[in-house]
Amino acid sequence: MTTPADPLPSTVSDGRLSYALFQLARAHRGYAAAMLRDMNLHPGQELLLMHLFDREGQTQSELLEAVGLDHSTVSKSLRRMQEAGLLTREPAQHDRRAMVVKLTDKGRDMKEPIAAMWKTLEEASVHNLSKAQAETFITLAQLITKTVTGRDGEAPATSGLSAP
């Protein structure tokens, strides 16, 4: 992994922030994945469970929108979670094509371990930051997310992107 003292690849000279975000996301996800493995979960499954803890009985489409992942990823995750006994999926009463996702007792029992894992992840993430730095980072990260997803009202910039 590249450290701040290591030289950056020459192709990122005009993209240092993006490269730093990539490194951060990879490191953060790796740390979280190790903790999730200890709970027999795959990355992303905890997010689905967290949304179900707050509002059980959502459709797969609602969960898909809530976590921002693609359909095949969510469908595969839900299938694995159902096989692990964490949730059930059944056709909705109002639309038999829609699948309603509900937690099992085993799934509900994951709430405290996931909350503890998330707290540990947060503590590690902010360990060397002041409270003000952490709040500034959160604000900036949310702004960057809105910008690159086009949720700031403008389309993300794509200038200079072309295949050879």
N, C-alpha and C. Protein backbone atom coordinates (compact mmCIF):
# COMPACT_ATOMS: atom_id res chain seq x y z
N MET A 1 0.85 -1.17 0.00
CA MET A 1 0.00 0.00 0.00
C MET A 1 0.90 1.23 0.00
N THR A 2 0.51 2.24 -0.75
CA THR A 2 1.27 3.47 -0.82
C THR A 2 1.06 4.29 0.44
N THR A 3 2.14 4.79 1.00
CA THR A 3 2.05 5.66 2.17
C THR A 3 2.30 7.08 1.71
N PRO A 4 1.98 8.08 2.54
CA PRO A 4 2.17 9.47 2.12
C PRO A 4 3.59 9.77 1.64
N ALA A 5 4.59 9.05 2.16
CA ALA A 5 5.98 9.29 1.75
C ALA A 5 6.29 8.65 0.41
N ASP A 6 5.49 7.68 -0.03
CA ASP A 6 5.74 7.01 -1.30
C ASP A 6 5.33 7.91 -2.45
N PRO A 7 6.07 7.84 -3.56
CA PRO A 7 5.68 8.65 -4.71
C PRO A 7 4.37 8.11 -5.31
N LEU A 8 3.56 9.02 -5.79
CA LEU A 8 2.31 8.63 -6.43
C LEU A 8 2.59 8.20 -7.87
N PRO A 9 1.77 7.33 -8.42
CA PRO A 9 1.92 7.02 -9.84
C PRO A 9 1.78 8.31 -10.65
N SER A 10 2.56 8.44 -11.70
CA SER A 10 2.57 9.69 -12.47
C SER A 10 1.20 10.02 -13.06
N THR A 11 0.39 9.03 -13.32
CA THR A 11 -0.92 9.28 -13.92
C THR A 11 -1.92 9.91 -12.96
N VAL A 12 -1.60 9.98 -11.68
CA VAL A 12 -2.52 10.60 -10.72
C VAL A 12 -2.05 11.98 -10.28
N SER A 13 -1.09 12.55 -11.00
CA SER A 13 -0.58 13.87 -10.58
C SER A 13 -1.68 14.92 -10.54
N ASP A 14 -2.69 14.79 -11.39
CA ASP A 14 -3.81 15.72 -11.37
C ASP A 14 -5.03 15.12 -10.67
N GLY A 15 -4.81 14.05 -9.92
CA GLY A 15 -5.91 13.38 -9.23
C GLY A 15 -5.52 12.88 -7.86
N ARG A 16 -4.76 13.68 -7.14
CA ARG A 16 -4.27 13.25 -5.83
C ARG A 16 -5.39 12.98 -4.83
N LEU A 17 -6.40 13.83 -4.82
CA LEU A 17 -7.51 13.63 -3.89
C LEU A 17 -8.25 12.34 -4.23
N SER A 18 -8.51 12.11 -5.49
CA SER A 18 -9.21 10.89 -5.90
C SER A 18 -8.40 9.65 -5.55
N TYR A 19 -7.09 9.71 -5.70
CA TYR A 19 -6.23 8.59 -5.35
C TYR A 19 -6.26 8.36 -3.84
N ALA A 20 -6.22 9.43 -3.07
CA ALA A 20 -6.29 9.31 -1.62
C ALA A 20 -7.63 8.70 -1.19
N LEU A 21 -8.72 9.11 -1.85
CA LEU A 21 -10.04 8.55 -1.54
C LEU A 21 -10.09 7.06 -1.87
N PHE A 22 -9.48 6.69 -2.99
CA PHE A 22 -9.42 5.28 -3.37
C PHE A 22 -8.68 4.47 -2.32
N GLN A 23 -7.51 4.97 -1.89
CA GLN A 23 -6.73 4.27 -0.87
C GLN A 23 -7.49 4.17 0.45
N LEU A 24 -8.14 5.25 0.83
CA LEU A 24 -8.93 5.27 2.06
C LEU A 24 -10.07 4.25 1.98
N ALA A 25 -10.81 4.26 0.90
CA ALA A 25 -11.94 3.35 0.75
C ALA A 25 -11.47 1.90 0.79
N ARG A 26 -10.37 1.60 0.13
CA ARG A 26 -9.85 0.24 0.11
C ARG A 26 -9.41 -0.19 1.51
N ALA A 27 -8.69 0.67 2.22
CA ALA A 27 -8.23 0.33 3.57
C ALA A 27 -9.41 0.17 4.53
N HIS A 28 -10.36 1.07 4.45
CA HIS A 28 -11.53 1.04 5.33
C HIS A 28 -12.35 -0.21 5.08
N ARG A 29 -12.58 -0.52 3.82
CA ARG A 29 -13.36 -1.71 3.46
C ARG A 29 -12.64 -2.97 3.92
N GLY A 30 -11.33 -3.00 3.77
CA GLY A 30 -10.56 -4.17 4.19
C GLY A 30 -10.64 -4.39 5.69
N TYR A 31 -10.55 -3.32 6.45
CA TYR A 31 -10.64 -3.41 7.91
C TYR A 31 -12.04 -3.88 8.32
N ALA A 32 -13.05 -3.31 7.69
CA ALA A 32 -14.44 -3.71 7.99
C ALA A 32 -14.67 -5.17 7.59
N ALA A 33 -14.14 -5.57 6.44
CA ALA A 33 -14.34 -6.95 5.95
C ALA A 33 -13.77 -7.97 6.93
N ALA A 34 -12.63 -7.65 7.54
CA ALA A 34 -12.04 -8.57 8.51
C ALA A 34 -12.96 -8.74 9.71
N MET A 35 -13.54 -7.65 10.18
CA MET A 35 -14.46 -7.74 11.32
C MET A 35 -15.74 -8.47 10.93
N LEU A 36 -16.22 -8.23 9.71
CA LEU A 36 -17.44 -8.90 9.25
C LEU A 36 -17.23 -10.40 9.10
N ARG A 37 -16.05 -10.80 8.64
CA ARG A 37 -15.76 -12.24 8.52
C ARG A 37 -15.92 -12.94 9.86
N ASP A 38 -15.52 -12.25 10.93
CA ASP A 38 -15.67 -12.83 12.27
C ASP A 38 -17.13 -13.04 12.65
N MET A 39 -18.04 -12.34 11.96
CA MET A 39 -19.47 -12.49 12.21
C MET A 39 -20.15 -13.31 11.12
N ASN A 40 -19.32 -13.94 10.25
CA ASN A 40 -19.82 -14.73 9.12
C ASN A 40 -20.67 -13.90 8.16
N LEU A 41 -20.27 -12.65 7.95
CA LEU A 41 -20.94 -11.77 7.00
C LEU A 41 -19.95 -11.34 5.93
N HIS A 42 -20.48 -11.01 4.76
CA HIS A 42 -19.69 -10.44 3.67
C HIS A 42 -19.92 -8.94 3.66
N PRO A 43 -18.92 -8.16 3.18
CA PRO A 43 -19.11 -6.70 3.10
C PRO A 43 -20.38 -6.34 2.34
N GLY A 44 -21.12 -5.42 2.89
CA GLY A 44 -22.38 -4.97 2.30
C GLY A 44 -23.59 -5.61 2.96
N GLN A 45 -23.41 -6.83 3.46
CA GLN A 45 -24.54 -7.49 4.11
C GLN A 45 -24.94 -6.77 5.38
N GLU A 46 -23.96 -6.19 6.07
CA GLU A 46 -24.29 -5.46 7.30
C GLU A 46 -25.14 -4.23 6.98
N LEU A 47 -24.91 -3.62 5.82
CA LEU A 47 -25.71 -2.45 5.44
C LEU A 47 -27.16 -2.84 5.20
N LEU A 48 -27.36 -3.97 4.53
CA LEU A 48 -28.72 -4.46 4.31
C LEU A 48 -29.40 -4.74 5.65
N LEU A 49 -28.67 -5.40 6.55
CA LEU A 49 -29.25 -5.69 7.86
C LEU A 49 -29.57 -4.40 8.61
N MET A 50 -28.67 -3.41 8.55
CA MET A 50 -28.90 -2.15 9.25
C MET A 50 -30.18 -1.47 8.76
N HIS A 51 -30.43 -1.52 7.46
CA HIS A 51 -31.67 -0.93 6.94
C HIS A 51 -32.89 -1.73 7.38
N LEU A 52 -32.73 -3.03 7.49
CA LEU A 52 -33.84 -3.86 7.97
C LEU A 52 -34.07 -3.70 9.46
N PHE A 53 -33.01 -3.43 10.24
CA PHE A 53 -33.19 -3.17 11.66
C PHE A 53 -34.08 -1.95 11.85
N ASP A 54 -33.89 -0.94 11.00
CA ASP A 54 -34.66 0.30 11.11
C ASP A 54 -36.08 0.17 10.57
N ARG A 55 -36.25 -0.65 9.53
CA ARG A 55 -37.58 -0.81 8.94
C ARG A 55 -37.66 -2.18 8.28
N GLU A 56 -38.19 -3.11 9.03
CA GLU A 56 -38.32 -4.47 8.53
C GLU A 56 -39.48 -4.54 7.53
N GLY A 57 -39.41 -5.51 6.65
CA GLY A 57 -40.49 -5.71 5.68
C GLY A 57 -40.35 -4.84 4.45
N GLN A 58 -39.14 -4.44 4.11
CA GLN A 58 -38.91 -3.66 2.89
C GLN A 58 -38.86 -4.60 1.69
N THR A 59 -39.15 -4.05 0.53
CA THR A 59 -38.99 -4.84 -0.69
C THR A 59 -37.53 -4.82 -1.09
N GLN A 60 -37.15 -5.77 -1.92
CA GLN A 60 -35.78 -5.80 -2.42
C GLN A 60 -35.46 -4.49 -3.13
N SER A 61 -36.41 -3.94 -3.86
CA SER A 61 -36.18 -2.68 -4.58
C SER A 61 -35.89 -1.54 -3.61
N GLU A 62 -36.61 -1.49 -2.50
CA GLU A 62 -36.37 -0.45 -1.51
C GLU A 62 -34.98 -0.59 -0.89
N LEU A 63 -34.58 -1.81 -0.61
CA LEU A 63 -33.24 -2.05 -0.05
C LEU A 63 -32.17 -1.68 -1.07
N LEU A 64 -32.41 -2.03 -2.32
CA LEU A 64 -31.48 -1.72 -3.39
C LEU A 64 -31.24 -0.21 -3.45
N GLU A 65 -32.31 0.55 -3.40
CA GLU A 65 -32.20 2.00 -3.44
C GLU A 65 -31.52 2.55 -2.18
N ALA A 66 -31.80 1.96 -1.04
CA ALA A 66 -31.25 2.45 0.23
C ALA A 66 -29.74 2.28 0.30
N VAL A 67 -29.22 1.16 -0.20
CA VAL A 67 -27.78 0.90 -0.08
C VAL A 67 -27.00 1.35 -1.30
N GLY A 68 -27.68 1.62 -2.41
CA GLY A 68 -27.00 2.13 -3.59
C GLY A 68 -26.14 1.12 -4.31
N LEU A 69 -26.46 -0.14 -4.20
CA LEU A 69 -25.72 -1.18 -4.91
C LEU A 69 -26.55 -1.67 -6.09
N ASP A 70 -25.91 -2.38 -7.00
CA ASP A 70 -26.64 -2.86 -8.17
C ASP A 70 -27.52 -4.05 -7.81
N HIS A 71 -28.48 -4.32 -8.67
CA HIS A 71 -29.49 -5.34 -8.43
C HIS A 71 -28.87 -6.72 -8.20
N SER A 72 -27.91 -7.12 -9.03
CA SER A 72 -27.36 -8.46 -8.89
C SER A 72 -26.59 -8.62 -7.57
N THR A 73 -25.91 -7.58 -7.12
CA THR A 73 -25.18 -7.64 -5.86
C THR A 73 -26.14 -7.80 -4.69
N VAL A 74 -27.20 -7.00 -4.68
CA VAL A 74 -28.19 -7.08 -3.59
C VAL A 74 -28.90 -8.43 -3.61
N SER A 75 -29.29 -8.88 -4.79
CA SER A 75 -29.99 -10.15 -4.91
C SER A 75 -29.11 -11.31 -4.41
N LYS A 76 -27.84 -11.31 -4.80
CA LYS A 76 -26.90 -12.35 -4.36
C LYS A 76 -26.70 -12.29 -2.84
N SER A 77 -26.55 -11.09 -2.31
CA SER A 77 -26.36 -10.93 -0.87
C SER A 77 -27.58 -11.43 -0.10
N LEU A 78 -28.76 -11.04 -0.56
CA LEU A 78 -29.99 -11.47 0.13
C LEU A 78 -30.16 -12.98 0.07
N ARG A 79 -29.80 -13.58 -1.08
CA ARG A 79 -29.89 -15.03 -1.20
C ARG A 79 -28.96 -15.71 -0.19
N ARG A 80 -27.72 -15.22 -0.10
CA ARG A 80 -26.75 -15.78 0.86
C ARG A 80 -27.24 -15.60 2.29
N MET A 81 -27.81 -14.44 2.57
CA MET A 81 -28.29 -14.15 3.92
C MET A 81 -29.49 -15.02 4.27
N GLN A 82 -30.33 -15.30 3.27
CA GLN A 82 -31.47 -16.18 3.49
C GLN A 82 -30.96 -17.61 3.77
N GLU A 83 -29.98 -18.05 2.99
CA GLU A 83 -29.41 -19.38 3.20
C GLU A 83 -28.75 -19.50 4.58
N ALA A 84 -28.23 -18.38 5.09
CA ALA A 84 -27.59 -18.37 6.41
C ALA A 84 -28.61 -18.23 7.54
N GLY A 85 -29.89 -18.09 7.18
CA GLY A 85 -30.94 -18.02 8.19
C GLY A 85 -31.13 -16.64 8.81
N LEU A 86 -30.62 -15.59 8.15
CA LEU A 86 -30.73 -14.24 8.70
C LEU A 86 -32.02 -13.54 8.30
N LEU A 87 -32.61 -13.95 7.19
CA LEU A 87 -33.82 -13.28 6.70
C LEU A 87 -34.65 -14.22 5.86
N THR A 88 -35.87 -13.75 5.57
CA THR A 88 -36.76 -14.47 4.66
C THR A 88 -37.16 -13.51 3.55
N ARG A 89 -37.51 -14.07 2.41
CA ARG A 89 -38.03 -13.29 1.29
C ARG A 89 -39.31 -13.96 0.83
N GLU A 90 -40.35 -13.15 0.68
CA GLU A 90 -41.62 -13.70 0.22
C GLU A 90 -42.31 -12.67 -0.67
N PRO A 91 -43.16 -13.15 -1.59
CA PRO A 91 -43.86 -12.21 -2.48
C PRO A 91 -44.73 -11.23 -1.68
N ALA A 92 -44.74 -9.99 -2.14
CA ALA A 92 -45.56 -8.95 -1.50
C ALA A 92 -47.03 -9.20 -1.78
N GLN A 93 -47.88 -8.84 -0.82
CA GLN A 93 -49.32 -9.01 -0.99
C GLN A 93 -49.84 -8.12 -2.11
N HIS A 94 -49.31 -6.90 -2.23
CA HIS A 94 -49.80 -5.93 -3.20
C HIS A 94 -49.28 -6.18 -4.61
N ASP A 95 -48.17 -6.92 -4.74
CA ASP A 95 -47.56 -7.18 -6.04
C ASP A 95 -46.74 -8.45 -5.91
N ARG A 96 -47.23 -9.54 -6.45
CA ARG A 96 -46.58 -10.84 -6.28
C ARG A 96 -45.19 -10.87 -6.93
N ARG A 97 -44.87 -9.90 -7.80
CA ARG A 97 -43.54 -9.85 -8.41
C ARG A 97 -42.51 -9.26 -7.46
N ALA A 98 -42.95 -8.43 -6.53
CA ALA A 98 -42.05 -7.80 -5.57
C ALA A 98 -41.80 -8.74 -4.40
N MET A 99 -40.56 -8.78 -3.95
CA MET A 99 -40.19 -9.64 -2.83
C MET A 99 -40.00 -8.78 -1.57
N VAL A 100 -40.68 -9.17 -0.49
CA VAL A 100 -40.56 -8.48 0.80
C VAL A 100 -39.53 -9.22 1.64
N VAL A 101 -38.62 -8.45 2.22
CA VAL A 101 -37.53 -9.02 3.01
C VAL A 101 -37.82 -8.78 4.49
N LYS A 102 -37.76 -9.85 5.28
CA LYS A 102 -37.99 -9.77 6.72
C LYS A 102 -36.87 -10.49 7.46
N LEU A 103 -36.50 -9.96 8.60
CA LEU A 103 -35.48 -10.58 9.43
C LEU A 103 -36.02 -11.79 10.17
N THR A 104 -35.16 -12.76 10.38
CA THR A 104 -35.47 -13.87 11.28
C THR A 104 -34.95 -13.47 12.67
N ASP A 105 -35.21 -14.29 13.66
CA ASP A 105 -34.66 -14.02 14.99
C ASP A 105 -33.14 -13.97 14.93
N LYS A 106 -32.54 -14.87 14.17
CA LYS A 106 -31.08 -14.88 14.01
C LYS A 106 -30.60 -13.57 13.39
N GLY A 107 -31.35 -13.06 12.42
CA GLY A 107 -30.99 -11.78 11.81
C GLY A 107 -31.12 -10.63 12.80
N ARG A 108 -32.20 -10.62 13.57
CA ARG A 108 -32.39 -9.57 14.57
C ARG A 108 -31.30 -9.60 15.63
N ASP A 109 -30.79 -10.80 15.93
CA ASP A 109 -29.73 -10.94 16.92
C ASP A 109 -28.40 -10.33 16.45
N MET A 110 -28.30 -9.98 15.19
CA MET A 110 -27.08 -9.37 14.65
C MET A 110 -27.00 -7.87 14.93
N LYS A 111 -28.07 -7.29 15.43
CA LYS A 111 -28.10 -5.83 15.62
C LYS A 111 -26.99 -5.34 16.54
N GLU A 112 -26.87 -5.93 17.70
CA GLU A 112 -25.85 -5.47 18.65
C GLU A 112 -24.42 -5.73 18.16
N PRO A 113 -24.13 -6.93 17.64
CA PRO A 113 -22.77 -7.14 17.12
C PRO A 113 -22.41 -6.18 15.97
N ILE A 114 -23.37 -5.89 15.11
CA ILE A 114 -23.10 -4.96 14.01
C ILE A 114 -22.90 -3.55 14.55
N ALA A 115 -23.71 -3.14 15.51
CA ALA A 115 -23.53 -1.81 16.11
C ALA A 115 -22.15 -1.71 16.77
N ALA A 116 -21.73 -2.77 17.45
CA ALA A 116 -20.41 -2.77 18.10
C ALA A 116 -19.29 -2.73 17.06
N MET A 117 -19.45 -3.47 15.97
CA MET A 117 -18.46 -3.46 14.91
C MET A 117 -18.35 -2.08 14.29
N TRP A 118 -19.50 -1.46 14.04
CA TRP A 118 -19.51 -0.13 13.43
C TRP A 118 -18.86 0.89 14.37
N LYS A 119 -19.08 0.74 15.67
CA LYS A 119 -18.46 1.64 16.65
C LYS A 119 -16.94 1.47 16.64
N THR A 120 -16.49 0.23 16.60
CA THR A 120 -15.05 -0.05 16.55
C THR A 120 -14.43 0.54 15.28
N LEU A 121 -15.11 0.38 14.16
CA LEU A 121 -14.65 0.93 12.89
C LEU A 121 -14.56 2.45 12.96
N GLU A 122 -15.55 3.06 13.56
CA GLU A 122 -15.56 4.52 13.72
C GLU A 122 -14.42 4.98 14.61
N GLU A 123 -14.23 4.30 15.73
CA GLU A 123 -13.15 4.68 16.66
C GLU A 123 -11.79 4.58 15.99
N ALA A 124 -11.58 3.53 15.21
CA ALA A 124 -10.31 3.39 14.50
C ALA A 124 -10.15 4.47 13.44
N SER A 125 -11.25 4.82 12.78
CA SER A 125 -11.20 5.81 11.70
C SER A 125 -10.89 7.21 12.21
N VAL A 126 -11.37 7.57 13.37
CA VAL A 126 -11.18 8.93 13.88
C VAL A 126 -10.07 9.02 14.93
N HIS A 127 -9.39 7.93 15.17
CA HIS A 127 -8.39 7.87 16.24
C HIS A 127 -7.41 9.04 16.24
N ASN A 128 -6.90 9.41 15.09
CA ASN A 128 -5.91 10.49 15.00
C ASN A 128 -6.51 11.82 14.55
N LEU A 129 -7.82 11.94 14.61
CA LEU A 129 -8.49 13.17 14.19
C LEU A 129 -9.11 13.87 15.40
N SER A 130 -9.14 15.19 15.34
CA SER A 130 -9.90 15.93 16.35
C SER A 130 -11.37 15.81 15.96
N LYS A 131 -12.23 16.17 16.90
CA LYS A 131 -13.67 16.15 16.61
C LYS A 131 -13.99 17.07 15.44
N ALA A 132 -13.36 18.24 15.41
CA ALA A 132 -13.58 19.21 14.32
C ALA A 132 -13.11 18.63 12.98
N GLN A 133 -11.96 17.96 12.97
CA GLN A 133 -11.46 17.36 11.74
C GLN A 133 -12.42 16.28 11.24
N ALA A 134 -12.91 15.46 12.16
CA ALA A 134 -13.84 14.40 11.77
C ALA A 134 -15.12 15.00 11.18
N GLU A 135 -15.66 16.04 11.81
CA GLU A 135 -16.87 16.69 11.29
C GLU A 135 -16.62 17.32 9.92
N THR A 136 -15.47 17.95 9.75
CA THR A 136 -15.12 18.54 8.45
C THR A 136 -15.01 17.46 7.39
N PHE A 137 -14.36 16.35 7.74
CA PHE A 137 -14.22 15.26 6.79
C PHE A 137 -15.59 14.72 6.36
N ILE A 138 -16.48 14.53 7.32
CA ILE A 138 -17.82 14.03 7.01
C ILE A 138 -18.52 14.96 6.04
N THR A 139 -18.47 16.26 6.31
CA THR A 139 -19.11 17.25 5.45
C THR A 139 -18.52 17.20 4.04
N LEU A 140 -17.20 17.16 3.95
CA LEU A 140 -16.54 17.13 2.64
C LEU A 140 -16.83 15.82 1.91
N ALA A 141 -16.82 14.70 2.61
CA ALA A 141 -17.10 13.42 1.98
C ALA A 141 -18.53 13.40 1.42
N GLN A 142 -19.49 13.95 2.17
CA GLN A 142 -20.87 14.01 1.69
C GLN A 142 -20.99 14.91 0.46
N LEU A 143 -20.26 16.01 0.45
CA LEU A 143 -20.28 16.92 -0.69
C LEU A 143 -19.68 16.24 -1.92
N ILE A 144 -18.56 15.55 -1.75
CA ILE A 144 -17.93 14.85 -2.87
C ILE A 144 -18.86 13.76 -3.40
N THR A 145 -19.50 13.03 -2.49
CA THR A 145 -20.44 11.98 -2.90
C THR A 145 -21.57 12.56 -3.74
N LYS A 146 -22.16 13.66 -3.28
CA LYS A 146 -23.24 14.31 -4.04
C LYS A 146 -22.75 14.76 -5.41
N THR A 147 -21.54 15.27 -5.46
CA THR A 147 -21.01 15.78 -6.72
C THR A 147 -20.76 14.64 -7.72
N VAL A 148 -20.09 13.58 -7.28
CA VAL A 148 -19.75 12.52 -8.24
C VAL A 148 -20.95 11.66 -8.62
N THR A 149 -22.01 11.70 -7.83
CA THR A 149 -23.22 10.95 -8.19
C THR A 149 -24.24 11.81 -8.92
N GLY A 150 -23.94 13.10 -9.05
CA GLY A 150 -24.87 14.00 -9.73
C GLY A 150 -26.04 14.42 -8.88
N ARG A 151 -25.99 14.14 -7.58
CA ARG A 151 -27.11 14.50 -6.70
C ARG A 151 -27.01 15.95 -6.22
N ASP A 152 -26.03 16.69 -6.74
CA ASP A 152 -25.92 18.10 -6.39
C ASP A 152 -26.65 18.96 -7.42
N GLY A 153 -27.37 18.30 -8.34
CA GLY A 153 -28.13 19.03 -9.34
C GLY A 153 -27.40 19.19 -10.65
N GLU A 154 -26.15 18.80 -10.70
CA GLU A 154 -25.36 18.88 -11.93
C GLU A 154 -24.80 17.52 -12.26
N ALA A 155 -24.61 17.29 -13.55
CA ALA A 155 -24.02 16.03 -13.98
C ALA A 155 -22.54 16.01 -13.62
N PRO A 156 -22.03 14.86 -13.20
CA PRO A 156 -20.59 14.78 -12.88
C PRO A 156 -19.75 15.12 -14.12
N ALA A 157 -18.64 15.76 -13.90
CA ALA A 157 -17.75 16.14 -15.00
C ALA A 157 -17.12 14.90 -15.58
N THR A 158 -17.05 14.83 -16.90
CA THR A 158 -16.42 13.70 -17.57
C THR A 158 -15.43 14.18 -18.63
N SER A 159 -15.01 15.43 -18.57
CA SER A 159 -14.09 15.95 -19.58
C SER A 159 -12.79 15.16 -19.59
N GLY A 160 -12.27 14.99 -20.76
CA GLY A 160 -11.00 14.29 -20.90
C GLY A 160 -11.11 12.78 -20.89
N LEU A 161 -12.33 12.25 -20.81
CA LEU A 161 -12.49 10.81 -20.81
C LEU A 161 -12.77 10.32 -22.22
N SER A 162 -11.82 9.60 -22.75
CA SER A 162 -12.05 8.98 -24.05
C SER A 162 -11.11 7.80 -24.17
N ALA A 163 -11.57 6.79 -24.84
CA ALA A 163 -10.74 5.60 -25.04
C ALA A 163 -9.82 5.85 -26.22
N PRO A 164 -8.62 5.27 -26.20
CA PRO A 164 -7.69 5.43 -27.32
C PRO A 164 -8.20 4.78 -28.58
